[in-house]
């Protein structure tokens, strides 16, 4: 296969700069050490009996904890979970590991939800696999997240054994056994809490642990609109609510929901709702009062009086 560009830059990190031999017998020369390692997009902790030694596992866990905010995702392969679990980052999360270690992991880290029957598990930005064979599927799943189904299929055809479904086609796309399966489940609430922040496609894609191009396609297929349009709708809806708060200027409202300035906010608001912000609020309040009065008259005509609850419905709220 001809490769025009490199999709990933791999860096092997060691405790020291000296070479080391893995359990498999393969010798590695580290590209960097724990102390000198640069910022990483994805941290992968491989398995091995060495990780079950407390000094090793705790040292790696401390390093992962110190660098997790600089990385997009953390991956543990089989026994590699011993290098992440002591950090506390997996507490309360669903994980898997090699069946041989499952009971020990559950005993040592009681806050983890361990299920060795699962092949792959994704919980937030943390990925775990059951062993070496699962690591291949995990790699393909990560490639699919980053570059899409087509690229992962090409890699699978080149480096993995031929399909076994008998019709010459690749198996169905790999999915993680995590709940919720929807990778956007945590993203929308986060957007709502951070409307004032940078919510560009690159930012959202990083948050969702996807490449920007794949994120764009996946987001539109789920929500029916591009990310930028979706975010603008959320901002406008929240701005409508904040317009009713006394003594709030358009400038402060625009900034509070993430618009660059008041004029950008006005244009977006008018494009979406067909009215300028203040005009919309005036019309909305007028319609609310009229509707409330009509409801009050209807109640009076039927009963001759209004209960306290009915008064609460008929009298518009004063802001």
Protein backbone atom coordinates (compact mmCIF):
# COMPACT_ATOMS: atom_id res chain seq x y z
CA UNK A 1 0.00 0.00 0.00
CA UNK A 2 1.34 3.40 -0.91
CA UNK A 3 1.07 5.89 1.89
CA UNK A 4 1.20 9.53 0.84
CA UNK A 5 0.93 11.05 4.30
CA UNK A 6 1.36 9.85 7.85
CA UNK A 7 -1.90 9.92 9.79
CA UNK A 8 -0.19 9.53 13.15
CA UNK A 9 3.17 10.34 14.65
CA UNK A 10 4.05 7.59 17.11
CA UNK A 11 6.24 8.29 20.14
CA UNK A 12 7.50 5.54 22.46
CA UNK A 13 8.03 6.80 26.01
CA UNK A 14 10.22 5.11 28.60
CA UNK A 15 11.13 5.65 32.22
CA UNK A 16 14.65 6.43 31.02
CA UNK A 17 16.29 6.97 27.64
CA UNK A 18 17.82 3.47 27.77
CA UNK A 19 16.40 0.68 25.65
CA UNK A 20 14.07 -1.84 27.29
CA UNK A 21 12.70 -5.26 26.43
CA UNK A 22 8.98 -6.03 26.51
CA UNK A 23 7.49 -9.29 27.74
CA UNK A 24 7.09 -10.33 24.11
CA UNK A 25 10.85 -10.10 23.65
CA UNK A 26 10.71 -7.02 21.43
CA UNK A 27 13.30 -4.36 22.26
CA UNK A 28 12.31 -0.68 22.23
CA UNK A 29 14.42 2.44 22.06
CA UNK A 30 12.35 5.24 23.64
CA UNK A 31 11.79 8.40 21.64
CA UNK A 32 11.37 10.27 24.91
CA UNK A 33 11.15 9.84 28.67
CA UNK A 34 8.29 10.53 31.05
CA UNK A 35 9.95 13.76 32.15
CA UNK A 36 10.71 15.01 28.64
CA UNK A 37 7.59 13.85 26.78
CA UNK A 38 5.83 16.52 24.74
CA UNK A 39 2.07 17.05 24.57
CA UNK A 40 0.24 13.99 23.22
CA UNK A 41 -3.10 13.66 21.48
CA UNK A 42 -3.61 10.04 22.57
CA UNK A 43 -1.93 8.27 25.49
CA UNK A 44 -1.73 4.48 25.07
CA UNK A 45 -0.75 2.32 28.06
CA UNK A 46 0.10 -1.24 26.91
CA UNK A 47 -0.26 -4.25 29.18
CA UNK A 48 2.42 -6.38 30.78
CA UNK A 49 3.25 -7.90 34.16
CA UNK A 50 5.63 -5.03 34.87
CA UNK A 51 2.67 -2.73 35.31
CA UNK A 52 1.45 -4.78 38.26
CA UNK A 53 4.40 -3.59 40.31
CA UNK A 54 3.16 -0.72 42.46
CA UNK A 55 6.17 1.52 41.83
CA UNK A 56 5.71 1.24 38.08
CA UNK A 57 1.91 1.57 38.02
CA UNK A 58 1.81 4.50 40.43
CA UNK A 59 4.56 6.35 38.56
CA UNK A 60 2.71 5.98 35.26
CA UNK A 61 -0.64 6.86 36.85
CA UNK A 62 0.81 10.06 38.30
CA UNK A 63 2.22 10.94 34.89
CA UNK A 64 -1.11 10.26 33.17
CA UNK A 65 -2.94 12.39 35.73
CA UNK A 66 -0.51 15.26 35.15
CA UNK A 67 -0.95 15.11 31.36
CA UNK A 68 -4.59 14.10 30.91
CA UNK A 69 -5.81 17.66 30.38
CA UNK A 70 -3.35 18.08 27.52
CA UNK A 71 -4.57 14.93 25.74
CA UNK A 72 -7.72 14.03 23.86
CA UNK A 73 -8.01 10.43 25.05
CA UNK A 74 -6.35 7.77 27.20
CA UNK A 75 -6.21 4.13 26.09
CA UNK A 76 -5.38 1.09 28.26
CA UNK A 77 -4.74 -2.27 26.61
CA UNK A 78 -5.41 -5.33 28.77
CA UNK A 79 -3.25 -5.05 31.89
CA UNK A 80 -2.47 -1.46 30.92
CA UNK A 81 -5.39 -0.54 33.15
CA UNK A 82 -2.98 -0.83 36.11
CA UNK A 83 -1.23 2.25 34.76
CA UNK A 84 -4.39 4.35 34.74
CA UNK A 85 -6.61 3.10 37.59
CA UNK A 86 -4.43 4.43 40.49
CA UNK A 87 -4.91 7.97 39.11
CA UNK A 88 -8.63 7.92 40.02
CA UNK A 89 -9.54 8.94 36.47
CA UNK A 90 -11.47 5.70 35.94
CA UNK A 91 -13.47 5.86 39.18
CA UNK A 92 -17.14 5.20 38.49
CA UNK A 93 -16.45 4.37 34.84
CA UNK A 94 -17.17 1.21 32.88
CA UNK A 95 -13.96 -0.61 31.94
CA UNK A 96 -12.75 -3.95 30.67
CA UNK A 97 -9.44 -5.79 30.97
CA UNK A 98 -7.96 -9.21 30.39
CA UNK A 99 -10.00 -11.89 32.17
CA UNK A 100 -6.88 -12.98 34.05
CA UNK A 101 -6.62 -9.58 35.80
CA UNK A 102 -10.31 -8.80 36.20
CA UNK A 103 -10.79 -10.03 39.78
CA UNK A 104 -7.59 -8.36 40.96
CA UNK A 105 -8.47 -5.07 39.27
CA UNK A 106 -11.95 -5.14 40.82
CA UNK A 107 -10.43 -5.85 44.25
CA UNK A 108 -7.67 -3.23 44.07
CA UNK A 109 -9.83 -0.53 42.47
CA UNK A 110 -13.32 -1.02 43.86
CA UNK A 111 -14.64 2.21 42.29
CA UNK A 112 -14.25 0.79 38.79
CA UNK A 113 -17.10 -1.01 37.03
CA UNK A 114 -15.15 -3.94 35.61
CA UNK A 115 -16.66 -6.31 33.03
CA UNK A 116 -14.08 -8.62 31.40
CA UNK A 117 -16.77 -10.06 29.10
CA UNK A 118 -16.64 -6.89 27.02
CA UNK A 119 -14.24 -6.64 24.12
CA UNK A 120 -13.86 -2.85 23.97
CA UNK A 121 -15.24 -0.17 26.25
CA UNK A 122 -15.30 3.58 25.80
CA UNK A 123 -16.37 5.77 28.71
CA UNK A 124 -15.82 9.46 28.05
CA UNK A 125 -12.24 10.02 26.93
CA UNK A 126 -11.08 6.68 28.36
CA UNK A 127 -10.80 3.49 26.31
CA UNK A 128 -10.06 -0.02 27.56
CA UNK A 129 -9.69 -3.35 25.77
CA UNK A 130 -9.67 -6.92 27.00
CA UNK A 131 -6.32 -7.97 25.61
CA UNK A 132 -3.86 -8.10 22.73
CA UNK A 133 -6.31 -9.32 20.08
CA UNK A 134 -8.84 -6.70 21.15
CA UNK A 135 -6.10 -4.08 20.79
CA UNK A 136 -6.21 -4.55 17.00
CA UNK A 137 -9.94 -3.87 16.93
CA UNK A 138 -9.39 -0.95 19.29
CA UNK A 139 -6.82 0.53 16.90
CA UNK A 140 -9.23 0.23 13.98
CA UNK A 141 -12.02 1.81 16.02
CA UNK A 142 -9.77 4.77 16.90
CA UNK A 143 -8.81 5.20 13.24
CA UNK A 144 -12.49 5.15 12.30
CA UNK A 145 -13.21 7.86 14.89
CA UNK A 146 -10.40 10.03 13.55
CA UNK A 147 -10.57 9.47 9.80
CA UNK A 148 -13.81 7.69 9.06
CA UNK A 149 -14.98 4.25 8.00
CA UNK A 150 -13.23 4.25 4.62
CA UNK A 151 -9.73 4.73 6.03
CA UNK A 152 -10.24 2.17 8.80
CA UNK A 153 -11.50 -0.32 6.18
CA UNK A 154 -8.38 0.17 4.08
CA UNK A 155 -6.20 -0.42 7.12
CA UNK A 156 -8.19 -3.49 8.08
CA UNK A 157 -7.81 -4.95 4.59
CA UNK A 158 -4.08 -4.31 4.57
CA UNK A 159 -3.05 -5.41 8.04
CA UNK A 160 -5.81 -7.64 9.40
CA UNK A 161 -6.83 -11.13 8.30
CA UNK A 162 -9.35 -11.42 5.48
CA UNK A 163 -13.07 -10.99 6.27
CA UNK A 164 -14.80 -14.12 7.51
CA UNK A 165 -18.38 -13.31 6.54
CA UNK A 166 -18.00 -15.20 3.24
CA UNK A 167 -19.12 -12.47 0.86
CA UNK A 168 -15.82 -10.63 0.45
CA UNK A 169 -16.99 -7.63 2.45
CA UNK A 170 -15.63 -6.25 5.68
CA UNK A 171 -17.56 -6.94 8.88
CA UNK A 172 -19.90 -4.26 10.16
CA UNK A 173 -18.21 -1.21 11.72
CA UNK A 174 -16.66 -1.74 15.12
CA UNK A 175 -18.45 -0.15 18.04
CA UNK A 176 -17.59 0.18 21.70
CA UNK A 177 -19.63 -1.69 24.27
CA UNK A 178 -20.16 1.46 26.31
CA UNK A 179 -23.38 3.13 27.41
CA UNK A 180 -24.55 5.54 26.24
CA UNK A 181 -23.39 4.56 22.77
CA UNK A 182 -24.10 8.03 21.44
CA UNK A 183 -20.79 9.85 21.53
CA UNK A 184 -22.66 13.15 21.69
CA UNK A 185 -24.51 12.27 24.89
CA UNK A 186 -22.24 14.41 27.06
CA UNK A 187 -21.46 17.05 24.43
CA UNK A 188 -24.78 18.93 24.22
CA UNK A 189 -25.09 19.57 27.99
CA UNK A 190 -21.48 20.75 27.95
CA UNK A 191 -22.24 23.16 25.09
CA UNK A 192 -25.21 24.56 27.03
CA UNK A 193 -22.97 25.22 30.02
CA UNK A 194 -20.33 26.89 27.88
CA UNK A 195 -22.19 29.00 25.33
CA UNK A 196 -19.86 31.91 26.07
CA UNK A 197 -16.77 29.89 25.15
CA UNK A 198 -15.13 29.04 21.81
CA UNK A 199 -17.44 26.44 20.25
CA UNK A 200 -15.76 26.09 16.90
CA UNK A 201 -15.83 22.75 15.07
CA UNK A 202 -12.24 22.07 16.12
CA UNK A 203 -13.11 22.64 19.78
CA UNK A 204 -16.22 20.47 19.67
CA UNK A 205 -14.49 17.72 17.70
CA UNK A 206 -11.71 17.58 20.26
CA UNK A 207 -14.28 17.43 23.04
CA UNK A 208 -16.05 14.54 21.28
CA UNK A 209 -12.74 12.76 20.62
CA UNK A 210 -13.12 12.89 16.83
CA UNK A 211 -11.36 14.47 13.88
CA UNK A 212 -13.05 17.72 12.71
CA UNK A 213 -14.14 16.31 9.32
CA UNK A 214 -15.59 13.12 10.80
CA UNK A 215 -17.22 15.13 13.61
CA UNK A 216 -18.94 17.38 11.08
CA UNK A 217 -20.44 14.45 9.20
CA UNK A 218 -21.45 12.50 12.29
CA UNK A 219 -22.97 15.55 14.00
CA UNK A 220 -25.10 16.45 10.99
CA UNK A 221 -26.31 12.86 10.63
CA UNK A 222 -27.46 12.84 14.27
CA UNK A 223 -28.90 16.35 14.69
CA UNK A 224 -29.83 17.24 11.10
CA UNK A 225 -27.82 20.46 10.99
CA UNK A 226 -24.14 21.45 10.93
CA UNK A 227 -22.47 22.13 14.32
CA UNK A 228 -22.20 25.89 13.71
CA UNK A 229 -25.90 26.25 12.92
CA UNK A 230 -26.86 24.08 15.89
CA UNK A 231 -24.72 26.13 18.29
CA UNK A 232 -26.13 29.41 16.96
CA UNK A 233 -29.67 28.14 17.57
CA UNK A 234 -28.81 27.30 21.18
CA UNK A 235 -27.24 30.72 21.66
CA UNK A 236 -30.26 32.54 20.22
CA UNK A 237 -32.67 30.54 22.39
CA UNK A 238 -30.69 31.33 25.52
CA UNK A 239 -30.42 35.00 24.48
CA UNK A 240 -34.24 35.20 24.23
CA UNK A 241 -34.48 34.10 27.83
CA UNK A 242 -31.87 36.58 29.00
CA UNK A 243 -33.52 39.46 27.16
CA UNK A 244 -36.31 39.36 29.76
CA UNK A 245 -33.88 40.09 32.62
CA UNK A 246 -34.03 43.80 33.58
CA UNK A 247 -31.05 46.08 33.03
CA UNK A 248 -29.28 43.66 30.69
CA UNK A 249 -27.78 45.38 27.65
CA UNK A 250 -27.50 43.78 24.25
CA UNK A 251 -23.73 43.93 24.62
CA UNK A 252 -23.70 41.91 27.85
CA UNK A 253 -26.26 39.42 26.53
CA UNK A 254 -24.32 38.95 23.29
CA UNK A 255 -21.10 38.30 25.19
CA UNK A 256 -22.76 36.00 27.71
CA UNK A 257 -23.94 33.59 24.99
CA UNK A 258 -20.80 33.69 22.89
CA UNK A 259 -21.39 36.28 20.15
CA UNK A 260 -18.39 38.41 19.19
CA UNK A 261 -20.31 41.67 19.59
CA UNK A 262 -23.80 43.15 19.77
CA UNK A 263 -24.05 43.74 16.02
CA UNK A 264 -23.24 40.10 15.21
CA UNK A 265 -25.87 39.10 17.77
CA UNK A 266 -28.49 41.45 16.24
CA UNK A 267 -27.91 40.08 12.73
CA UNK A 268 -28.13 36.45 13.86
CA UNK A 269 -31.23 37.15 15.95
CA UNK A 270 -33.03 38.93 13.10
CA UNK A 271 -32.05 36.24 10.61
CA UNK A 272 -33.46 33.53 12.85
CA UNK A 273 -36.58 35.23 14.24
CA UNK A 274 -37.37 37.97 11.75
CA UNK A 275 -37.21 40.75 14.34
CA UNK A 276 -34.64 42.77 16.23
CA UNK A 277 -34.01 41.64 19.81
CA UNK A 278 -35.78 44.49 21.61
CA UNK A 279 -38.72 44.50 19.18
CA UNK A 280 -39.12 40.75 19.65
CA UNK A 281 -39.18 41.14 23.42
CA UNK A 282 -41.75 43.98 23.25
CA UNK A 283 -44.04 41.96 20.99
CA UNK A 284 -43.59 38.83 23.07
CA UNK A 285 -44.54 40.62 26.30
CA UNK A 286 -47.53 42.28 24.64
CA UNK A 287 -48.82 38.95 23.33
CA UNK A 288 -48.29 37.34 26.72
CA UNK A 289 -50.32 40.02 28.50
CA UNK A 290 -53.14 39.79 25.94
CA UNK A 291 -53.27 36.02 26.19
CA UNK A 292 -53.26 36.17 29.99
CA UNK A 293 -56.11 38.70 29.99
CA UNK A 294 -58.14 36.57 27.61
CA UNK A 295 -57.62 33.52 29.83
CA UNK A 296 -58.69 35.52 32.87
CA UNK A 297 -61.90 36.69 31.17
CA UNK A 298 -62.72 33.16 30.12
CA UNK A 299 -62.34 31.89 33.67
CA UNK A 300 -64.43 34.71 35.09
CA UNK A 301 -67.22 34.15 32.58
CA UNK A 302 -67.41 30.51 33.56
CA UNK A 303 -67.09 30.75 37.34
CA UNK A 304 -67.62 34.37 38.29
CA UNK A 305 -64.42 34.31 40.32
CA UNK A 306 -60.84 33.09 40.14
CA UNK A 307 -59.00 30.84 42.55
CA UNK A 308 -55.48 31.80 43.72
CA UNK A 309 -54.03 29.28 41.27
CA UNK A 310 -56.06 30.77 38.42
CA UNK A 311 -54.92 34.27 39.34
CA UNK A 312 -51.37 33.05 39.07
CA UNK A 313 -52.07 31.91 35.52
CA UNK A 314 -53.98 34.99 34.46
CA UNK A 315 -51.61 37.65 35.78
CA UNK A 316 -48.40 38.00 33.70
CA UNK A 317 -45.11 37.73 35.59
CA UNK A 318 -43.38 41.04 36.16
CA UNK A 319 -39.61 41.08 35.41
